[in-house]
Amino acid sequence: MVIILYAASIDPTYKSLSGRRFLVVSTNYAPEHAGVGPYSTMTAEHLAACGANVDVLAGMPHYPAWRVDHAYRATWRTTEVRQGVRVHRRRHFVPSKQTALRRALYEVSFLAHGALSVPVDKPELVLSQVPSLAGGVIGARISRRWAVPHVVVVQDLLGAAAVQSGIRGGSRVASIAGRIEARIMRSATRIGVVHESFADRIVAMGIPPGKIRVVPNWAHVRPPSGSRKAMRTRLGWRDNEVVVLHSGNMGLKQGLEVLVDTARFAIRERSGIRVVLMGDGSQRATLQKLASTLPNVDVRPPATDEEFPDVLAAADVLAVTQRASVLDMSLPSKLTSYFAAGRPVVASVAVHGGTAAEVRRSGAGIVVPPEDAEVLHGAIMYLVGDPKRSERLGARGPAYVIERLSMDAGLRRITALVSEALTAHNGR
């Protein structure tokens, strides 16, 4: 049996971080507003607010569009200061389409550029955000070089992702990615996982369970505050249609084709469902093509940070979808925002996977089998036909955020994880 401790349970009287020197390694960082970027950013800024001297080694902003932000397209390397954090950016290859080879080039280019120009001499601790294998390798090398603790925060497991996500050629590179990942984990002082469903796979790499702490991602968007009716009017969503919204990355692992098929099924059933795919990603153009003949599918760019909470709240149902093969390699970061929005969630995901477990634990939604448009359509109509249940599910989301996913609780867990790693390293 795997025993996992929650970092929040550690004595809060940990040693002050003031004056410490930390390096955070993360390919993703602000101004990215989706995925791992916001969590890397808030972690670094929180440590700086605790009085630490914080440097970040990051890539160029590119997610979820998978193209470099226009403000950085002519930049090879740069250093900027954001909220008291020195951010050192390094140019790397960004693939517009996802294949195993292109993903490997993405990792290798960041590894080569980042490892050749490490921005600090001797940090007292290195924190790496994974799924960046390159970031994990760089963090492990710096940790070994200076004999300092290394904390790895696991957002996705790339070895598993290579098999489960459906990326072309993924099965051929899965074992290589898994071996690299295992080496990173074995050398780490402490490992934080955003969901306990990752733990068994990490233990199978030969990692002692005592190194693993659960550090869930937190809700980093404000609660909705505007008029729901006014936002629906502005977005062109009629009162007599059921708006099913997916907001976030449009990649392979999301399997968003099921929502397009659901919209097609809704036309046949005349059920009044409108599917809205809001975001960006490698599959956006493919989805637009698939939905080009369907009048009840909208493919929209991401909402602004200011409007995002109210856009989520304006929908009738918030959808999270994953390919049937996705089990224990990823937990969608969008869930925290969905819960905060106060709308019922429908999860079309593997019923025994981590995403399904999180939705069930929240009490804020229902889980249906993946890649089945007819079943998904039925679940949506079930919620629409039972307004009181929809209201109860929606209300559970904000309550769950307060209970488990508040920003304060999340940052305390990260801070405790860092403090524990320092103590463990110094006491070895």
Protein backbone atom coordinates (compact mmCIF):
# COMPACT_ATOMS: atom_id res chain seq x y z
CA MET A 1 0.00 0.00 0.00
CA VAL A 2 1.31 3.41 -0.96
CA ILE A 3 1.22 6.01 1.81
CA ILE A 4 1.17 9.57 0.61
CA LEU A 5 1.53 12.50 2.96
CA TYR A 6 -0.03 15.86 2.25
CA ALA A 7 2.46 18.66 2.43
CA ALA A 8 -0.20 20.85 4.08
CA SER A 9 -0.02 18.57 7.13
CA ILE A 10 3.63 19.43 7.80
CA ASP A 11 4.27 21.68 10.81
CA PRO A 12 3.72 25.23 9.53
CA THR A 13 6.58 26.52 11.68
CA TYR A 14 9.08 25.59 8.98
CA LYS A 15 12.30 27.49 8.73
CA SER A 16 11.97 30.91 7.16
CA LEU A 17 12.78 31.09 3.46
CA SER A 18 13.85 34.71 3.68
CA GLY A 19 17.24 35.34 2.10
CA ARG A 20 17.42 31.89 0.48
CA ARG A 21 18.39 31.60 -3.17
CA PHE A 22 16.17 29.42 -5.34
CA LEU A 23 16.11 28.45 -9.00
CA VAL A 24 12.85 27.41 -10.64
CA VAL A 25 13.16 25.57 -13.96
CA SER A 26 10.03 25.51 -16.10
CA THR A 27 9.61 25.68 -19.85
CA ASN A 28 6.26 27.37 -19.21
CA TYR A 29 5.93 30.72 -17.45
CA ALA A 30 3.94 33.96 -17.57
CA PRO A 31 2.55 35.56 -19.66
CA GLU A 32 1.18 32.08 -20.45
CA HIS A 33 -2.26 31.97 -18.86
CA ALA A 34 -3.16 28.27 -19.22
CA GLY A 35 -1.67 24.92 -18.26
CA VAL A 36 1.51 24.77 -16.17
CA GLY A 37 2.57 28.39 -16.73
CA PRO A 38 0.35 30.04 -14.10
CA TYR A 39 1.45 27.56 -11.43
CA SER A 40 5.15 28.00 -12.16
CA THR A 41 4.64 31.75 -12.07
CA MET A 42 2.67 31.87 -8.83
CA THR A 43 5.10 29.47 -7.14
CA ALA A 44 8.11 31.62 -8.02
CA GLU A 45 6.36 34.86 -7.09
CA HIS A 46 5.17 33.40 -3.79
CA LEU A 47 8.68 32.28 -2.85
CA ALA A 48 9.93 35.76 -3.70
CA ALA A 49 7.20 37.26 -1.53
CA CYS A 50 8.49 35.06 1.32
CA GLY A 51 11.78 36.95 1.02
CA ALA A 52 13.71 34.46 -1.12
CA ASN A 53 15.90 35.48 -4.05
CA VAL A 54 14.28 33.67 -6.96
CA ASP A 55 15.53 33.08 -10.48
CA VAL A 56 13.55 31.25 -13.14
CA LEU A 57 14.96 29.47 -16.19
CA ALA A 58 12.11 29.39 -18.70
CA GLY A 59 11.32 29.04 -22.37
CA MET A 60 9.68 31.57 -24.62
CA PRO A 61 5.91 31.97 -24.05
CA HIS A 62 4.13 29.64 -26.49
CA TYR A 63 1.32 27.71 -24.78
CA PRO A 64 -1.48 26.81 -25.53
CA ALA A 65 -1.15 28.17 -29.09
CA TRP A 66 2.09 26.23 -29.69
CA ARG A 67 3.64 29.25 -31.36
CA VAL A 68 5.99 31.77 -29.78
CA ASP A 69 4.29 34.91 -28.49
CA HIS A 70 4.78 37.69 -31.01
CA ALA A 71 6.60 39.86 -28.44
CA TYR A 72 9.38 37.24 -28.19
CA ARG A 73 9.68 35.97 -31.75
CA ALA A 74 12.92 37.80 -32.48
CA THR A 75 14.47 36.96 -29.09
CA TRP A 76 17.24 34.42 -28.60
CA ARG A 77 17.64 34.92 -24.87
CA THR A 78 16.55 37.58 -22.44
CA THR A 79 16.26 38.41 -18.73
CA GLU A 80 13.32 40.28 -17.29
CA VAL A 81 12.03 40.99 -13.81
CA ARG A 82 8.42 40.11 -13.07
CA GLN A 83 6.98 40.66 -9.59
CA GLY A 84 10.38 40.48 -7.94
CA VAL A 85 11.45 37.34 -9.85
CA ARG A 86 14.32 37.33 -12.36
CA VAL A 87 13.11 35.39 -15.39
CA HIS A 88 15.81 34.13 -17.77
CA ARG A 89 14.27 33.01 -21.07
CA ARG A 90 15.97 30.75 -23.57
CA ARG A 91 14.93 30.18 -27.19
CA HIS A 92 13.78 26.68 -28.13
CA PHE A 93 11.97 24.87 -30.91
CA VAL A 94 8.15 25.09 -30.72
CA PRO A 95 6.27 22.49 -32.80
CA SER A 96 3.03 23.64 -34.39
CA LYS A 97 2.03 19.98 -34.81
CA GLN A 98 2.57 17.27 -32.23
CA THR A 99 4.55 14.15 -33.07
CA ALA A 100 7.01 12.23 -30.94
CA LEU A 101 9.93 13.52 -33.02
CA ARG A 102 8.80 17.14 -32.81
CA ARG A 103 8.25 16.83 -29.07
CA ALA A 104 11.76 15.41 -28.72
CA LEU A 105 13.18 18.40 -30.63
CA TYR A 106 11.21 20.72 -28.34
CA GLU A 107 12.78 19.11 -25.26
CA VAL A 108 16.29 18.80 -26.66
CA SER A 109 16.43 22.41 -27.85
CA PHE A 110 15.42 23.74 -24.43
CA LEU A 111 17.85 21.35 -22.74
CA ALA A 112 20.75 22.42 -24.96
CA HIS A 113 20.16 26.15 -24.67
CA GLY A 114 19.23 26.09 -20.99
CA ALA A 115 22.08 23.84 -19.86
CA LEU A 116 24.67 25.92 -21.72
CA SER A 117 23.63 29.18 -20.06
CA VAL A 118 22.49 28.51 -16.50
CA PRO A 119 21.64 31.94 -15.07
CA VAL A 120 22.83 31.49 -11.46
CA ASP A 121 26.05 30.33 -9.83
CA LYS A 122 24.85 28.41 -6.78
CA PRO A 123 21.22 28.21 -5.72
CA GLU A 124 20.29 26.69 -2.37
CA LEU A 125 17.47 24.69 -3.93
CA VAL A 126 16.23 23.88 -7.42
CA LEU A 127 12.55 23.35 -8.20
CA SER A 128 11.69 21.77 -11.56
CA GLN A 129 8.24 21.63 -13.13
CA VAL A 130 7.58 18.42 -15.05
CA PRO A 131 6.19 17.60 -17.78
CA SER A 132 9.27 19.35 -19.12
CA LEU A 133 11.82 16.52 -19.26
CA ALA A 134 14.45 19.05 -20.27
CA GLY A 135 13.64 21.18 -17.24
CA GLY A 136 13.86 18.14 -15.00
CA VAL A 137 17.24 17.14 -16.45
CA ILE A 138 18.59 20.67 -16.08
CA GLY A 139 17.31 20.88 -12.51
CA ALA A 140 18.86 17.52 -11.61
CA ARG A 141 22.23 18.49 -13.12
CA ILE A 142 22.35 21.80 -11.27
CA SER A 143 21.34 20.06 -8.05
CA ARG A 144 24.16 17.50 -8.42
CA ARG A 145 26.71 20.11 -9.43
CA TRP A 146 26.16 22.25 -6.35
CA ALA A 147 25.01 19.44 -3.99
CA VAL A 148 21.73 21.20 -3.25
CA PRO A 149 18.20 19.75 -2.87
CA HIS A 150 16.03 19.22 -5.92
CA VAL A 151 12.23 19.42 -5.74
CA VAL A 152 10.28 18.04 -8.70
CA VAL A 153 6.63 19.03 -9.11
CA VAL A 154 4.89 16.58 -11.44
CA GLN A 155 2.06 18.08 -13.48
CA ASP A 156 2.11 15.37 -16.19
CA LEU A 157 4.01 12.12 -16.64
CA LEU A 158 5.63 12.21 -20.06
CA GLY A 159 6.53 8.53 -20.28
CA ALA A 160 2.89 7.60 -19.76
CA ALA A 161 1.75 10.49 -21.93
CA ALA A 162 3.76 9.23 -24.88
CA VAL A 163 1.61 6.10 -24.87
CA GLN A 164 -1.72 7.45 -23.65
CA SER A 165 -2.04 10.80 -25.44
CA GLY A 166 -2.20 9.43 -29.00
CA ILE A 167 0.80 11.43 -30.22
CA ARG A 168 2.19 9.97 -33.43
CA GLY A 169 5.21 7.78 -32.73
CA GLY A 170 4.61 8.03 -28.99
CA SER A 171 4.81 4.33 -28.23
CA ARG A 172 8.30 4.16 -29.77
CA VAL A 173 9.72 6.84 -27.46
CA ALA A 174 7.72 6.04 -24.32
CA SER A 175 10.39 3.82 -22.81
CA ILE A 176 13.11 6.43 -23.41
CA ALA A 177 11.01 9.21 -21.90
CA GLY A 178 10.11 6.95 -18.99
CA ARG A 179 13.76 6.13 -18.25
CA ILE A 180 14.73 9.81 -18.28
CA GLU A 181 11.77 10.63 -16.07
CA ALA A 182 12.72 7.87 -13.62
CA ARG A 183 16.30 9.17 -13.35
CA ILE A 184 15.00 12.65 -12.59
CA MET A 185 12.65 11.31 -9.92
CA ARG A 186 15.24 9.05 -8.29
CA SER A 187 17.66 11.94 -7.86
CA ALA A 188 15.03 14.29 -6.40
CA THR A 189 14.98 15.17 -2.72
CA ARG A 190 11.19 15.48 -2.70
CA ILE A 191 8.52 14.96 -5.37
CA GLY A 192 5.22 16.81 -5.42
CA VAL A 193 2.36 15.31 -7.46
CA VAL A 194 -0.77 17.24 -8.33
CA HIS A 195 -2.95 14.17 -7.87
CA GLU A 196 -2.52 10.94 -5.95
CA SER A 197 -3.29 8.89 -9.05
CA PHE A 198 0.27 9.61 -10.23
CA ALA A 199 1.85 8.04 -7.18
CA ASP A 200 1.76 4.34 -8.02
CA ARG A 201 3.43 4.93 -11.38
CA ILE A 202 6.18 6.97 -9.71
CA VAL A 203 6.70 4.33 -7.00
CA ALA A 204 7.03 1.76 -9.80
CA MET A 205 10.05 3.73 -11.00
CA GLY A 206 11.82 2.74 -7.80
CA ILE A 207 10.97 5.90 -5.86
CA PRO A 208 10.39 5.47 -2.09
CA PRO A 209 6.82 6.49 -1.22
CA GLY A 210 8.22 8.64 1.58
CA LYS A 211 9.58 11.09 -1.00
CA ILE A 212 6.16 11.77 -2.50
CA ARG A 213 3.80 14.53 -1.39
CA VAL A 214 0.42 15.47 -2.88
CA VAL A 215 0.36 19.16 -3.78
CA PRO A 216 -2.86 19.78 -5.73
CA ASN A 217 -3.07 22.66 -8.15
CA TRP A 218 -5.23 25.48 -6.87
CA ALA A 219 -7.93 27.66 -8.38
CA HIS A 220 -6.11 30.72 -9.66
CA VAL A 221 -9.00 32.65 -11.21
CA ARG A 222 -11.41 34.91 -9.38
CA PRO A 223 -15.02 33.84 -8.91
CA PRO A 224 -17.49 35.08 -11.53
CA SER A 225 -18.86 38.50 -10.69
CA GLY A 226 -20.78 39.84 -13.69
CA SER A 227 -24.29 39.30 -15.00
CA ARG A 228 -24.66 35.82 -16.45
CA LYS A 229 -27.48 36.95 -18.75
CA ALA A 230 -25.46 39.93 -20.01
CA MET A 231 -22.45 37.73 -20.79
CA ARG A 232 -24.61 35.22 -22.70
CA THR A 233 -26.09 38.06 -24.72
CA ARG A 234 -22.65 39.45 -25.51
CA LEU A 235 -21.43 36.01 -26.60
CA GLY A 236 -24.50 35.43 -28.76
CA TRP A 237 -25.80 32.51 -26.67
CA ARG A 238 -29.59 32.38 -26.74
CA ASP A 239 -31.70 31.60 -23.69
CA ASN A 240 -33.34 28.62 -25.39
CA GLU A 241 -30.11 26.78 -26.22
CA VAL A 242 -27.96 24.60 -23.98
CA VAL A 243 -24.37 25.85 -24.10
CA VAL A 244 -21.74 23.18 -23.47
CA LEU A 245 -18.37 24.86 -23.09
CA HIS A 246 -14.89 23.38 -23.27
CA SER A 247 -12.23 25.93 -22.41
CA GLY A 248 -8.50 25.24 -22.58
CA ASN A 249 -5.93 23.41 -24.61
CA MET A 250 -7.04 21.75 -27.84
CA GLY A 251 -4.51 18.95 -28.04
CA LEU A 252 -4.46 15.26 -28.85
CA LYS A 253 -5.05 13.94 -25.35
CA GLN A 254 -8.26 15.98 -24.96
CA GLY A 255 -10.02 13.96 -27.67
CA LEU A 256 -12.31 16.90 -28.43
CA GLU A 257 -13.74 15.17 -31.48
CA VAL A 258 -16.32 13.66 -29.12
CA LEU A 259 -17.79 17.12 -28.55
CA VAL A 260 -18.04 17.73 -32.28
CA ASP A 261 -19.80 14.37 -32.62
CA THR A 262 -22.08 15.32 -29.72
CA ALA A 263 -23.09 18.48 -31.56
CA ARG A 264 -23.81 16.42 -34.67
CA PHE A 265 -25.93 14.03 -32.61
CA ALA A 266 -27.77 17.00 -31.03
CA ILE A 267 -28.81 18.22 -34.48
CA ARG A 268 -30.40 14.86 -35.22
CA GLU A 269 -32.14 14.85 -31.86
CA ARG A 270 -33.11 18.54 -32.08
CA SER A 271 -32.00 18.97 -28.48
CA GLY A 272 -30.85 22.58 -28.75
CA ILE A 273 -27.24 21.98 -27.70
CA ARG A 274 -24.55 24.44 -28.75
CA VAL A 275 -20.96 23.24 -28.29
CA VAL A 276 -18.37 25.95 -27.74
CA LEU A 277 -14.67 25.08 -28.03
CA MET A 278 -12.76 28.00 -26.55
CA GLY A 279 -8.98 28.04 -26.52
CA ASP A 280 -6.05 27.15 -28.70
CA GLY A 281 -3.74 24.25 -29.38
CA SER A 282 -2.29 21.89 -31.93
CA GLN A 283 -5.70 20.41 -32.88
CA ARG A 284 -7.60 23.68 -33.28
CA ALA A 285 -7.47 23.72 -37.08
CA THR A 286 -8.48 20.06 -37.27
CA LEU A 287 -11.47 20.67 -35.02
CA GLN A 288 -12.51 23.70 -37.04
CA LYS A 289 -12.48 21.58 -40.17
CA LEU A 290 -14.49 18.79 -38.54
CA ALA A 291 -17.09 21.28 -37.32
CA SER A 292 -17.20 23.44 -40.45
CA THR A 293 -20.65 22.17 -41.52
CA LEU A 294 -22.22 22.20 -38.05
CA PRO A 295 -24.16 25.36 -37.17
CA ASN A 296 -24.17 24.48 -33.47
CA VAL A 297 -20.39 24.43 -32.94
CA ASP A 298 -18.38 27.56 -32.20
CA VAL A 299 -14.58 27.50 -32.14
CA ARG A 300 -13.44 30.61 -30.30
CA PRO A 301 -10.11 32.05 -29.17
CA PRO A 302 -9.33 32.08 -25.45
CA ALA A 303 -11.22 34.59 -23.34
CA THR A 304 -9.28 37.41 -21.72
CA ASP A 305 -8.18 36.88 -18.14
CA GLU A 306 -10.69 39.51 -17.01
CA GLU A 307 -13.66 37.89 -18.75
CA PHE A 308 -12.70 34.24 -18.32
CA PRO A 309 -14.56 33.53 -15.03
CA ASP A 310 -17.77 35.14 -16.30
CA VAL A 311 -17.56 33.27 -19.63
CA LEU A 312 -17.34 29.95 -17.76
CA ALA A 313 -20.27 30.91 -15.55
CA ALA A 314 -22.37 31.86 -18.59
CA ALA A 315 -22.34 28.28 -19.91
CA ASP A 316 -24.94 25.69 -18.91
CA VAL A 317 -22.47 22.79 -18.70
CA LEU A 318 -18.66 22.74 -18.57
CA ALA A 319 -17.09 19.81 -20.40
CA VAL A 320 -13.80 18.06 -19.81
CA THR A 321 -12.89 15.33 -22.27
CA GLN A 322 -9.97 12.96 -22.67
CA ARG A 323 -9.10 10.09 -24.94
CA ALA A 324 -10.04 6.68 -23.53
CA SER A 325 -6.33 5.81 -23.24
CA VAL A 326 -5.59 8.68 -20.83
CA LEU A 327 -5.53 7.21 -17.33
CA ASP A 328 -2.79 8.37 -14.97
CA MET A 329 -0.53 10.72 -16.91
CA SER A 330 -2.37 14.01 -16.58
CA LEU A 331 -4.92 15.98 -14.59
CA PRO A 332 -6.52 18.85 -16.54
CA SER A 333 -5.63 22.16 -14.93
CA LYS A 334 -8.92 23.55 -16.24
CA LEU A 335 -10.80 21.66 -13.52
CA THR A 336 -9.87 24.18 -10.83
CA SER A 337 -11.33 27.02 -12.91
CA TYR A 338 -14.40 24.95 -13.78
CA PHE A 339 -15.11 24.28 -10.11
CA ALA A 340 -14.70 27.96 -9.22
CA ALA A 341 -17.23 28.95 -11.91
CA GLY A 342 -20.14 27.26 -10.15
CA ARG A 343 -21.47 25.37 -13.17
CA PRO A 344 -22.01 21.59 -13.39
CA VAL A 345 -19.18 19.62 -14.97
CA VAL A 346 -19.55 16.67 -17.32
CA ALA A 347 -16.38 14.59 -17.64
CA SER A 348 -16.10 12.29 -20.65
CA VAL A 349 -13.00 10.47 -19.40
CA ALA A 350 -11.70 7.05 -18.40
CA VAL A 351 -13.85 6.13 -15.42
CA HIS A 352 -10.92 4.71 -13.42
CA GLY A 353 -8.50 7.57 -14.18
CA GLY A 354 -7.36 10.48 -12.05
CA THR A 355 -9.62 13.03 -13.75
CA ALA A 356 -12.72 10.96 -13.05
CA ALA A 357 -11.64 10.53 -9.43
CA GLU A 358 -11.20 14.28 -8.99
CA VAL A 359 -14.61 15.11 -10.48
CA ARG A 360 -16.29 12.51 -8.28
CA ARG A 361 -14.48 13.73 -5.16
CA SER A 362 -15.51 17.32 -5.83
CA GLY A 363 -19.17 16.39 -6.10
CA ALA A 364 -19.40 19.09 -8.77
CA GLY A 365 -20.13 16.95 -11.81
CA ILE A 366 -20.82 13.60 -13.38
CA VAL A 367 -18.52 11.16 -15.15
CA VAL A 368 -19.39 9.28 -18.34
CA PRO A 369 -17.31 6.89 -20.47
CA PRO A 370 -14.97 8.59 -22.96
CA GLU A 371 -15.29 8.87 -26.73
CA ASP A 372 -19.04 8.15 -26.72
CA ALA A 373 -21.00 11.08 -28.12
CA GLU A 374 -24.41 9.52 -27.58
CA VAL A 375 -23.74 8.88 -23.89
CA LEU A 376 -22.26 12.36 -23.46
CA HIS A 377 -25.30 13.89 -25.13
CA GLY A 378 -27.54 11.91 -22.79
CA ALA A 379 -25.65 13.12 -19.72
CA ILE A 380 -25.95 16.74 -20.81
CA MET A 381 -29.68 16.40 -21.40
CA TYR A 382 -30.08 14.64 -18.05
CA LEU A 383 -28.59 17.67 -16.29
CA VAL A 384 -30.65 20.09 -18.33
CA GLY A 385 -33.79 18.15 -17.47
CA ASP A 386 -33.05 18.30 -13.73
CA PRO A 387 -32.32 21.97 -12.90
CA LYS A 388 -32.22 21.35 -9.16
CA ARG A 389 -29.53 18.70 -9.49
CA SER A 390 -27.56 20.92 -11.88
CA GLU A 391 -27.75 23.70 -9.33
CA ARG A 392 -26.55 21.41 -6.55
CA LEU A 393 -23.62 20.15 -8.61
CA GLY A 394 -22.67 23.67 -9.64
CA ALA A 395 -22.75 24.88 -6.04
CA ARG A 396 -20.38 22.10 -4.94
CA GLY A 397 -17.60 23.46 -7.15
CA PRO A 398 -16.90 26.71 -5.27
CA ALA A 399 -17.32 24.87 -1.97
CA TYR A 400 -14.71 22.31 -3.04
CA VAL A 401 -12.35 25.10 -4.02
CA ILE A 402 -12.65 26.58 -0.54
CA GLU A 403 -12.23 23.18 1.13
CA ARG A 404 -9.25 21.93 -0.89
CA LEU A 405 -8.16 24.10 -3.80
CA SER A 406 -7.73 27.61 -2.48
CA MET A 407 -4.67 29.53 -3.64
CA ASP A 408 -3.56 30.04 -0.05
CA ALA A 409 -3.69 26.31 0.70
CA GLY A 410 -1.90 25.46 -2.54
CA LEU A 411 0.94 27.88 -1.96
CA ARG A 412 1.31 26.74 1.66
CA ARG A 413 1.70 23.16 0.41
CA ILE A 414 4.40 24.19 -2.06
CA THR A 415 6.21 26.25 0.56
CA ALA A 416 6.07 23.36 3.02
CA LEU A 417 7.40 21.00 0.33
CA VAL A 418 10.35 23.32 -0.31
CA SER A 419 11.03 23.73 3.41
CA GLU A 420 10.90 19.97 3.95
CA ALA A 421 13.35 19.37 1.10
CA LEU A 422 15.80 21.86 2.61
CA THR A 423 15.53 20.20 6.00
CA ALA A 424 15.86 16.68 4.59
CA HIS A 425 18.91 17.64 2.53
CA ASN A 426 20.67 19.39 5.40
CA GLY A 427 19.95 16.55 7.79
CA ARG A 428 21.13 13.68 5.60
